[in-house]
Amino acid sequence: MECGKLYLVPTPVGNLEDITFRALQVLKDVDVIYAEDTRTSSVLLKKYGISTHMESYHKFNEHKRTSSICSRILEGQTAALITDAGSPGISDPGFLVTRACIESGIEVEALPGATAFVPALTVSGLPSDRFLFEGFLPQKKGRQTRIRQVAQNTATSIIYESPYRLLKLLEQLMKVAGPQRKAAVCREISKVHNECRRGTLEQLVSWFTENEPKGEIVVIVEGKDNGKDEDEDLGKDEFCEKREGRLTKERKTR
């Protein structure tokens, strides 16, 4: 019997119309859809008239269900994995079953599509040529270590955070990265009340102290020294003078 296939299908992070035509076709054609929350996903499937059988696959049962999913696909079934919003495996279930399928010789195909951090990064106004995706930081053990690492990153950092812990995160970042480090807080991406608040960490702490945050949140933090080499801001003449000074100093030390 021919082996089936696993599709990793991104779903909208906000507006349900953000889903791709191909994603809808895959969800219609597969034998089974594994969803992080079947109640949430049923809203999307109902909107587009998709009646494919659906079963749950989430962080509380993924270890238990991964083996049975691989077995069904090896028997010839095709399956799609979706989460409540965004791309499977990005701060959502998906890694375990993907790895297990690959190890079992099952073909895995990831469809391109929605993920919250890309629009947040591009609209933040902060450098996007190099970035580090941190996802959700630990709530307790290891949190301070990760925050110090974020403060030291020369690339832009991307953090997912709950609205209930946003102010605490901004205060912790300000303490180690300094009040003037630039950042952006993007919330409710692709939804009616989407917003991107930009400024220094000090300004953002002040704003969210007075304005309670709501919705899904992505925090974008500027890299240390903006990720620039100290010579990048020098004019051509200044750079040459500085370089000549270095060479002169090197000759004297030989």
C-alpha atoms as a PDB file:
ATOM      1  CA  MET A   1       0.000   0.000   0.000  1.00  0.00           C
ATOM      2  CA  GLU A   2       1.300   3.459  -0.899  1.00  0.00           C
ATOM      3  CA  CYS A   3       2.273   5.661   2.033  1.00  0.00           C
ATOM      4  CA  GLY A   4       0.206   8.788   2.626  1.00  0.00           C
ATOM      5  CA  LYS A   5       1.429  12.263   3.377  1.00  0.00           C
ATOM      6  CA  LEU A   6       1.342  14.908   6.106  1.00  0.00           C
ATOM      7  CA  TYR A   7       0.543  18.516   5.214  1.00  0.00           C
ATOM      8  CA  LEU A   8       1.375  21.352   7.597  1.00  0.00           C
ATOM      9  CA  VAL A   9      -1.271  23.953   6.812  1.00  0.00           C
ATOM     10  CA  PRO A  10      -1.100  27.539   8.131  1.00  0.00           C
ATOM     11  CA  THR A  11      -4.390  29.119   9.161  1.00  0.00           C
ATOM     12  CA  PRO A  12      -5.223  32.841   9.532  1.00  0.00           C
ATOM     13  CA  VAL A  13      -3.929  34.673  12.594  1.00  0.00           C
ATOM     14  CA  GLY A  14      -6.805  37.131  12.371  1.00  0.00           C
ATOM     15  CA  ASN A  15      -8.977  37.713   9.332  1.00  0.00           C
ATOM     16  CA  LEU A  16     -10.305  34.359   8.097  1.00  0.00           C
ATOM     17  CA  GLU A  17      -9.962  35.558   4.505  1.00  0.00           C
ATOM     18  CA  ASP A  18      -6.177  35.444   4.821  1.00  0.00           C
ATOM     19  CA  ILE A  19      -6.138  31.700   4.125  1.00  0.00           C
ATOM     20  CA  THR A  20      -4.785  30.623   0.730  1.00  0.00           C
ATOM     21  CA  PHE A  21      -6.738  28.852  -2.021  1.00  0.00           C
ATOM     22  CA  ARG A  22      -4.296  25.964  -1.870  1.00  0.00           C
ATOM     23  CA  ALA A  23      -4.704  25.561   1.887  1.00  0.00           C
ATOM     24  CA  LEU A  24      -8.465  25.287   1.456  1.00  0.00           C
ATOM     25  CA  GLN A  25      -8.061  22.685  -1.290  1.00  0.00           C
ATOM     26  CA  VAL A  26      -5.714  20.574   0.850  1.00  0.00           C
ATOM     27  CA  LEU A  27      -8.102  20.715   3.805  1.00  0.00           C
ATOM     28  CA  LYS A  28     -10.910  19.511   1.536  1.00  0.00           C
ATOM     29  CA  ASP A  29      -8.902  16.691  -0.035  1.00  0.00           C
ATOM     30  CA  VAL A  30      -7.123  15.034   2.920  1.00  0.00           C
ATOM     31  CA  ASP A  31      -8.597  12.087   4.797  1.00  0.00           C
ATOM     32  CA  VAL A  32      -8.271  13.677   8.222  1.00  0.00           C
ATOM     33  CA  ILE A  33      -7.468  17.046   9.758  1.00  0.00           C
ATOM     34  CA  TYR A  34      -5.644  17.184  13.084  1.00  0.00           C
ATOM     35  CA  ALA A  35      -6.487  20.437  14.843  1.00  0.00           C
ATOM     36  CA  GLU A  36      -5.135  22.095  17.978  1.00  0.00           C
ATOM     37  CA  ASP A  37      -8.694  22.979  19.035  1.00  0.00           C
ATOM     38  CA  THR A  38     -11.466  21.401  16.995  1.00  0.00           C
ATOM     39  CA  ARG A  39     -13.979  24.002  18.202  1.00  0.00           C
ATOM     40  CA  THR A  40     -11.838  26.901  16.996  1.00  0.00           C
ATOM     41  CA  SER A  41     -10.999  25.214  13.694  1.00  0.00           C
ATOM     42  CA  SER A  42     -14.622  24.280  13.029  1.00  0.00           C
ATOM     43  CA  VAL A  43     -15.405  27.993  12.594  1.00  0.00           C
ATOM     44  CA  LEU A  44     -12.894  28.228   9.750  1.00  0.00           C
ATOM     45  CA  LEU A  45     -13.961  24.945   8.140  1.00  0.00           C
ATOM     46  CA  LYS A  46     -17.637  25.844   8.331  1.00  0.00           C
ATOM     47  CA  LYS A  47     -17.014  29.226   6.670  1.00  0.00           C
ATOM     48  CA  TYR A  48     -15.499  27.492   3.646  1.00  0.00           C
ATOM     49  CA  GLY A  49     -17.830  24.493   3.547  1.00  0.00           C
ATOM     50  CA  ILE A  50     -15.189  21.926   4.476  1.00  0.00           C
ATOM     51  CA  SER A  51     -16.565  18.735   6.008  1.00  0.00           C
ATOM     52  CA  THR A  52     -13.349  16.700   6.341  1.00  0.00           C
ATOM     53  CA  HIS A  53     -13.172  14.526   9.464  1.00  0.00           C
ATOM     54  CA  MET A  54     -11.330  16.341  12.246  1.00  0.00           C
ATOM     55  CA  GLU A  55      -9.521  15.099  15.361  1.00  0.00           C
ATOM     56  CA  SER A  56      -7.623  16.912  18.118  1.00  0.00           C
ATOM     57  CA  TYR A  57      -3.859  17.236  18.318  1.00  0.00           C
ATOM     58  CA  HIS A  58      -2.531  19.627  20.966  1.00  0.00           C
ATOM     59  CA  LYS A  59       0.279  20.033  23.495  1.00  0.00           C
ATOM     60  CA  PHE A  60      -1.518  17.859  26.056  1.00  0.00           C
ATOM     61  CA  ASN A  61      -1.926  14.819  23.811  1.00  0.00           C
ATOM     62  CA  GLU A  62       0.738  15.191  21.097  1.00  0.00           C
ATOM     63  CA  HIS A  63       3.135  12.681  22.690  1.00  0.00           C
ATOM     64  CA  LYS A  64       0.360  10.100  22.891  1.00  0.00           C
ATOM     65  CA  ARG A  65      -1.132  10.708  19.420  1.00  0.00           C
ATOM     66  CA  THR A  66       2.019  11.116  17.325  1.00  0.00           C
ATOM     67  CA  SER A  67       2.585   7.373  16.912  1.00  0.00           C
ATOM     68  CA  SER A  68      -0.996   6.657  15.832  1.00  0.00           C
ATOM     69  CA  ILE A  69      -0.900   9.522  13.319  1.00  0.00           C
ATOM     70  CA  CYS A  70       2.241   8.085  11.718  1.00  0.00           C
ATOM     71  CA  SER A  71       0.632   4.639  11.580  1.00  0.00           C
ATOM     72  CA  ARG A  72      -2.456   5.953   9.783  1.00  0.00           C
ATOM     73  CA  ILE A  73      -0.355   7.829   7.237  1.00  0.00           C
ATOM     74  CA  LEU A  74       1.845   4.759   6.656  1.00  0.00           C
ATOM     75  CA  GLU A  75      -1.350   2.834   5.887  1.00  0.00           C
ATOM     76  CA  GLY A  76      -2.050   5.257   3.066  1.00  0.00           C
ATOM     77  CA  GLN A  77      -4.101   8.086   4.582  1.00  0.00           C
ATOM     78  CA  THR A  78      -3.330  11.744   3.944  1.00  0.00           C
ATOM     79  CA  ALA A  79      -3.482  14.134   6.884  1.00  0.00           C
ATOM     80  CA  ALA A  80      -3.345  17.864   7.494  1.00  0.00           C
ATOM     81  CA  LEU A  81      -2.180  19.490  10.704  1.00  0.00           C
ATOM     82  CA  ILE A  82      -3.543  22.910  11.650  1.00  0.00           C
ATOM     83  CA  THR A  83      -3.351  25.029  14.782  1.00  0.00           C
ATOM     84  CA  ASP A  84      -5.674  27.675  16.163  1.00  0.00           C
ATOM     85  CA  ALA A  85      -3.810  30.327  14.175  1.00  0.00           C
ATOM     86  CA  GLY A  86      -0.576  30.558  12.227  1.00  0.00           C
ATOM     87  CA  SER A  87       1.866  27.912  11.054  1.00  0.00           C
ATOM     88  CA  PRO A  88       2.126  24.532  12.842  1.00  0.00           C
ATOM     89  CA  GLY A  89       5.414  24.203  14.706  1.00  0.00           C
ATOM     90  CA  ILE A  90       5.851  27.940  15.307  1.00  0.00           C
ATOM     91  CA  SER A  91       5.094  28.243  19.045  1.00  0.00           C
ATOM     92  CA  ASP A  92       2.357  25.665  18.419  1.00  0.00           C
ATOM     93  CA  PRO A  93       2.223  21.847  18.171  1.00  0.00           C
ATOM     94  CA  GLY A  94       3.817  20.391  15.070  1.00  0.00           C
ATOM     95  CA  PHE A  95       7.471  19.608  15.701  1.00  0.00           C
ATOM     96  CA  LEU A  96       6.988  16.183  17.286  1.00  0.00           C
ATOM     97  CA  VAL A  97       4.749  14.718  14.607  1.00  0.00           C
ATOM     98  CA  THR A  98       6.847  16.264  11.828  1.00  0.00           C
ATOM     99  CA  ARG A  99      10.014  14.693  13.209  1.00  0.00           C
ATOM    100  CA  ALA A 100       8.299  11.334  13.721  1.00  0.00           C
ATOM    101  CA  CYS A 101       6.961  11.324  10.158  1.00  0.00           C
ATOM    102  CA  ILE A 102      10.372  12.168   8.708  1.00  0.00           C
ATOM    103  CA  GLU A 103      11.990   9.388  10.742  1.00  0.00           C
ATOM    104  CA  SER A 104       9.321   6.979   9.463  1.00  0.00           C
ATOM    105  CA  GLY A 105       9.973   7.894   5.845  1.00  0.00           C
ATOM    106  CA  ILE A 106       6.705   9.812   5.479  1.00  0.00           C
ATOM    107  CA  GLU A 107       6.655  12.807   3.169  1.00  0.00           C
ATOM    108  CA  VAL A 108       5.896  16.071   4.963  1.00  0.00           C
ATOM    109  CA  GLU A 109       4.942  19.204   3.059  1.00  0.00           C
ATOM    110  CA  ALA A 110       4.611  22.631   4.684  1.00  0.00           C
ATOM    111  CA  LEU A 111       2.382  25.108   2.895  1.00  0.00           C
ATOM    112  CA  PRO A 112       3.417  28.770   3.011  1.00  0.00           C
ATOM    113  CA  GLY A 113       1.060  31.081   4.783  1.00  0.00           C
ATOM    114  CA  ALA A 114       0.160  33.045   7.864  1.00  0.00           C
ATOM    115  CA  THR A 115       2.387  33.486  10.892  1.00  0.00           C
ATOM    116  CA  ALA A 116       2.125  36.379  13.338  1.00  0.00           C
ATOM    117  CA  PHE A 117       5.757  37.408  13.646  1.00  0.00           C
ATOM    118  CA  VAL A 118       6.411  38.219   9.962  1.00  0.00           C
ATOM    119  CA  PRO A 119       3.871  41.071   9.612  1.00  0.00           C
ATOM    120  CA  ALA A 120       4.827  42.309  13.102  1.00  0.00           C
ATOM    121  CA  LEU A 121       8.510  42.441  12.157  1.00  0.00           C
ATOM    122  CA  THR A 122       7.971  44.140   8.816  1.00  0.00           C
ATOM    123  CA  VAL A 123       5.618  46.812  10.203  1.00  0.00           C
ATOM    124  CA  SER A 124       7.738  47.523  13.297  1.00  0.00           C
ATOM    125  CA  GLY A 125      10.166  49.761  11.449  1.00  0.00           C
ATOM    126  CA  LEU A 126      13.093  47.929  13.058  1.00  0.00           C
ATOM    127  CA  PRO A 127      15.844  46.176  11.039  1.00  0.00           C
ATOM    128  CA  SER A 128      14.552  42.964   9.457  1.00  0.00           C
ATOM    129  CA  ASP A 129      17.678  41.776   7.644  1.00  0.00           C
ATOM    130  CA  ARG A 130      18.697  39.714  10.695  1.00  0.00           C
ATOM    131  CA  PHE A 131      16.352  38.578  13.442  1.00  0.00           C
ATOM    132  CA  LEU A 132      16.065  36.010  16.204  1.00  0.00           C
ATOM    133  CA  PHE A 133      12.702  34.400  16.930  1.00  0.00           C
ATOM    134  CA  GLU A 134      12.385  33.792  20.669  1.00  0.00           C
ATOM    135  CA  GLY A 135       8.724  32.732  20.762  1.00  0.00           C
ATOM    136  CA  PHE A 136       7.269  32.662  24.278  1.00  0.00           C
ATOM    137  CA  LEU A 137       9.870  33.188  27.011  1.00  0.00           C
ATOM    138  CA  PRO A 138       9.786  30.923  30.090  1.00  0.00           C
ATOM    139  CA  GLN A 139       7.435  32.279  32.728  1.00  0.00           C
ATOM    140  CA  LYS A 140       9.716  31.400  35.642  1.00  0.00           C
ATOM    141  CA  LYS A 141      12.866  29.269  35.441  1.00  0.00           C
ATOM    142  CA  GLY A 142      15.324  30.595  32.895  1.00  0.00           C
ATOM    143  CA  ARG A 143      13.326  33.746  32.113  1.00  0.00           C
ATOM    144  CA  GLN A 144      15.927  36.235  33.331  1.00  0.00           C
ATOM    145  CA  THR A 145      18.672  34.432  31.419  1.00  0.00           C
ATOM    146  CA  ARG A 146      16.681  34.639  28.193  1.00  0.00           C
ATOM    147  CA  ILE A 147      15.899  38.313  28.763  1.00  0.00           C
ATOM    148  CA  ARG A 148      19.595  39.068  29.233  1.00  0.00           C
ATOM    149  CA  GLN A 149      20.300  37.196  26.007  1.00  0.00           C
ATOM    150  CA  VAL A 150      17.682  39.275  24.181  1.00  0.00           C
ATOM    151  CA  ALA A 151      19.312  42.445  25.518  1.00  0.00           C
ATOM    152  CA  GLN A 152      22.681  41.312  24.154  1.00  0.00           C
ATOM    153  CA  ASN A 153      21.418  40.228  20.722  1.00  0.00           C
ATOM    154  CA  THR A 154      22.765  42.404  17.930  1.00  0.00           C
ATOM    155  CA  ALA A 155      19.956  41.215  15.670  1.00  0.00           C
ATOM    156  CA  THR A 156      16.314  42.190  16.124  1.00  0.00           C
ATOM    157  CA  SER A 157      14.498  39.909  18.600  1.00  0.00           C
ATOM    158  CA  ILE A 158      10.918  38.672  18.262  1.00  0.00           C
ATOM    159  CA  ILE A 159       8.933  37.630  21.346  1.00  0.00           C
ATOM    160  CA  TYR A 160       5.396  36.329  21.747  1.00  0.00           C
ATOM    161  CA  GLU A 161       3.686  37.454  24.938  1.00  0.00           C
ATOM    162  CA  SER A 162       0.361  37.351  26.740  1.00  0.00           C
ATOM    163  CA  PRO A 163      -1.367  40.709  27.323  1.00  0.00           C
ATOM    164  CA  TYR A 164      -1.377  39.860  31.037  1.00  0.00           C
ATOM    165  CA  ARG A 165       2.439  39.670  31.143  1.00  0.00           C
ATOM    166  CA  LEU A 166       3.306  42.326  28.558  1.00  0.00           C
ATOM    167  CA  LEU A 167       4.008  45.165  30.991  1.00  0.00           C
ATOM    168  CA  LYS A 168       6.197  42.912  33.134  1.00  0.00           C
ATOM    169  CA  LEU A 169       8.176  41.858  30.059  1.00  0.00           C
ATOM    170  CA  LEU A 170       8.724  45.449  28.930  1.00  0.00           C
ATOM    171  CA  GLU A 171       9.875  46.463  32.419  1.00  0.00           C
ATOM    172  CA  GLN A 172      12.298  43.540  32.591  1.00  0.00           C
ATOM    173  CA  LEU A 173      13.691  44.347  29.151  1.00  0.00           C
ATOM    174  CA  MET A 174      14.084  48.012  30.065  1.00  0.00           C
ATOM    175  CA  LYS A 175      16.021  47.073  33.185  1.00  0.00           C
ATOM    176  CA  VAL A 176      18.658  45.068  31.293  1.00  0.00           C
ATOM    177  CA  ALA A 177      18.601  46.662  27.812  1.00  0.00           C
ATOM    178  CA  GLY A 178      18.157  50.265  28.930  1.00  0.00           C
ATOM    179  CA  PRO A 179      15.210  52.665  28.662  1.00  0.00           C
ATOM    180  CA  GLN A 180      16.237  53.988  25.232  1.00  0.00           C
ATOM    181  CA  ARG A 181      16.286  50.639  23.415  1.00  0.00           C
ATOM    182  CA  LYS A 182      13.703  50.801  20.623  1.00  0.00           C
ATOM    183  CA  ALA A 183      10.885  48.297  20.394  1.00  0.00           C
ATOM    184  CA  ALA A 184       7.434  47.762  18.945  1.00  0.00           C
ATOM    185  CA  VAL A 185       4.363  46.062  20.372  1.00  0.00           C
ATOM    186  CA  CYS A 186       2.034  44.657  17.721  1.00  0.00           C
ATOM    187  CA  ARG A 187      -1.303  43.242  18.738  1.00  0.00           C
ATOM    188  CA  GLU A 188      -4.359  41.707  17.105  1.00  0.00           C
ATOM    189  CA  ILE A 189      -2.532  41.282  13.800  1.00  0.00           C
ATOM    190  CA  SER A 190      -4.899  41.118  10.800  1.00  0.00           C
ATOM    191  CA  LYS A 191      -7.911  41.692  13.038  1.00  0.00           C
ATOM    192  CA  VAL A 192     -10.241  44.707  13.180  1.00  0.00           C
ATOM    193  CA  HIS A 193      -8.418  46.350  16.089  1.00  0.00           C
ATOM    194  CA  ASN A 194      -4.857  45.606  14.981  1.00  0.00           C
ATOM    195  CA  GLU A 195      -2.298  48.077  16.304  1.00  0.00           C
ATOM    196  CA  CYS A 196       1.475  48.593  16.293  1.00  0.00           C
ATOM    197  CA  ARG A 197       2.818  50.789  19.078  1.00  0.00           C
ATOM    198  CA  ARG A 198       6.419  51.901  18.479  1.00  0.00           C
ATOM    199  CA  GLY A 199       8.899  53.707  20.717  1.00  0.00           C
ATOM    200  CA  THR A 200      11.595  53.215  23.301  1.00  0.00           C
ATOM    201  CA  LEU A 201      11.105  50.647  26.040  1.00  0.00           C
ATOM    202  CA  GLU A 202      10.589  53.521  28.475  1.00  0.00           C
ATOM    203  CA  GLN A 203       7.862  55.015  26.297  1.00  0.00           C
ATOM    204  CA  LEU A 204       6.154  51.652  25.842  1.00  0.00           C
ATOM    205  CA  VAL A 205       6.212  50.949  29.589  1.00  0.00           C
ATOM    206  CA  SER A 206       4.620  54.342  30.188  1.00  0.00           C
ATOM    207  CA  TRP A 207       1.950  53.760  27.535  1.00  0.00           C
ATOM    208  CA  PHE A 208       0.937  50.282  28.659  1.00  0.00           C
ATOM    209  CA  THR A 209       0.918  51.337  32.296  1.00  0.00           C
ATOM    210  CA  GLU A 210      -1.901  53.704  31.369  1.00  0.00           C
ATOM    211  CA  ASN A 211      -3.466  51.581  28.624  1.00  0.00           C
ATOM    212  CA  GLU A 212      -4.253  47.946  29.374  1.00  0.00           C
ATOM    213  CA  PRO A 213      -3.142  45.714  26.490  1.00  0.00           C
ATOM    214  CA  LYS A 214      -5.563  43.241  24.936  1.00  0.00           C
ATOM    215  CA  GLY A 215      -5.366  40.483  22.357  1.00  0.00           C
ATOM    216  CA  GLU A 216      -2.550  38.421  20.871  1.00  0.00           C
ATOM    217  CA  ILE A 217       0.783  40.247  21.126  1.00  0.00           C
ATOM    218  CA  VAL A 218       4.146  40.207  19.338  1.00  0.00           C
ATOM    219  CA  VAL A 219       7.032  42.251  20.761  1.00  0.00           C
ATOM    220  CA  ILE A 220       9.851  43.337  18.455  1.00  0.00           C
ATOM    221  CA  VAL A 221      13.068  44.493  20.173  1.00  0.00           C
ATOM    222  CA  GLU A 222      15.870  46.392  18.483  1.00  0.00           C
ATOM    223  CA  GLY A 223      19.268  44.690  18.497  1.00  0.00           C
ATOM    224  CA  LYS A 224      22.073  45.969  20.692  1.00  0.00           C
ATOM    225  CA  ASP A 225      23.811  48.886  18.903  1.00  0.00           C
ATOM    226  CA  ASN A 226      21.186  48.298  16.201  1.00  0.00           C
ATOM    227  CA  GLY A 227      23.320  45.426  14.908  1.00  0.00           C
ATOM    228  CA  LYS A 228      25.737  47.853  13.257  1.00  0.00           C
ATOM    229  CA  ASP A 229      29.486  47.774  13.151  1.00  0.00           C
ATOM    230  CA  GLU A 230      30.995  50.870  14.731  1.00  0.00           C
ATOM    231  CA  ASP A 231      32.465  51.920  11.348  1.00  0.00           C
ATOM    232  CA  GLU A 232      29.143  51.919   9.470  1.00  0.00           C
ATOM    233  CA  ASP A 233      28.188  55.416  10.593  1.00  0.00           C
ATOM    234  CA  LEU A 234      31.525  56.934   9.594  1.00  0.00           C
ATOM    235  CA  GLY A 235      31.924  58.944   6.414  1.00  0.00           C
ATOM    236  CA  LYS A 236      34.499  57.822   3.841  1.00  0.00           C
ATOM    237  CA  ASP A 237      37.174  60.303   4.991  1.00  0.00           C
ATOM    238  CA  GLU A 238      36.582  59.541   8.652  1.00  0.00           C
ATOM    239  CA  PHE A 239      36.791  55.804   7.991  1.00  0.00           C
ATOM    240  CA  CYS A 240      40.095  56.209   6.116  1.00  0.00           C
ATOM    241  CA  GLU A 241      41.540  58.367   8.893  1.00  0.00           C
ATOM    242  CA  LYS A 242      40.455  55.846  11.501  1.00  0.00           C
ATOM    243  CA  ARG A 243      41.899  52.958   9.495  1.00  0.00           C
ATOM    244  CA  GLU A 244      45.212  54.804   9.003  1.00  0.00           C
ATOM    245  CA  GLY A 245      45.343  55.474  12.720  1.00  0.00           C
ATOM    246  CA  ARG A 246      44.930  51.771  13.421  1.00  0.00           C
ATOM    247  CA  LEU A 247      47.702  50.858  10.992  1.00  0.00           C
ATOM    248  CA  THR A 248      50.060  53.462  12.533  1.00  0.00           C
ATOM    249  CA  LYS A 249      49.354  52.080  15.994  1.00  0.00           C
ATOM    250  CA  GLU A 250      50.020  48.526  14.780  1.00  0.00           C
ATOM    251  CA  ARG A 251      53.391  49.545  13.263  1.00  0.00           C
ATOM    252  CA  LYS A 252      54.482  51.146  16.515  1.00  0.00           C
ATOM    253  CA  THR A 253      53.709  47.991  18.506  1.00  0.00           C
ATOM    254  CA  ARG A 254      55.767  45.729  16.231  1.00  0.00           C
END
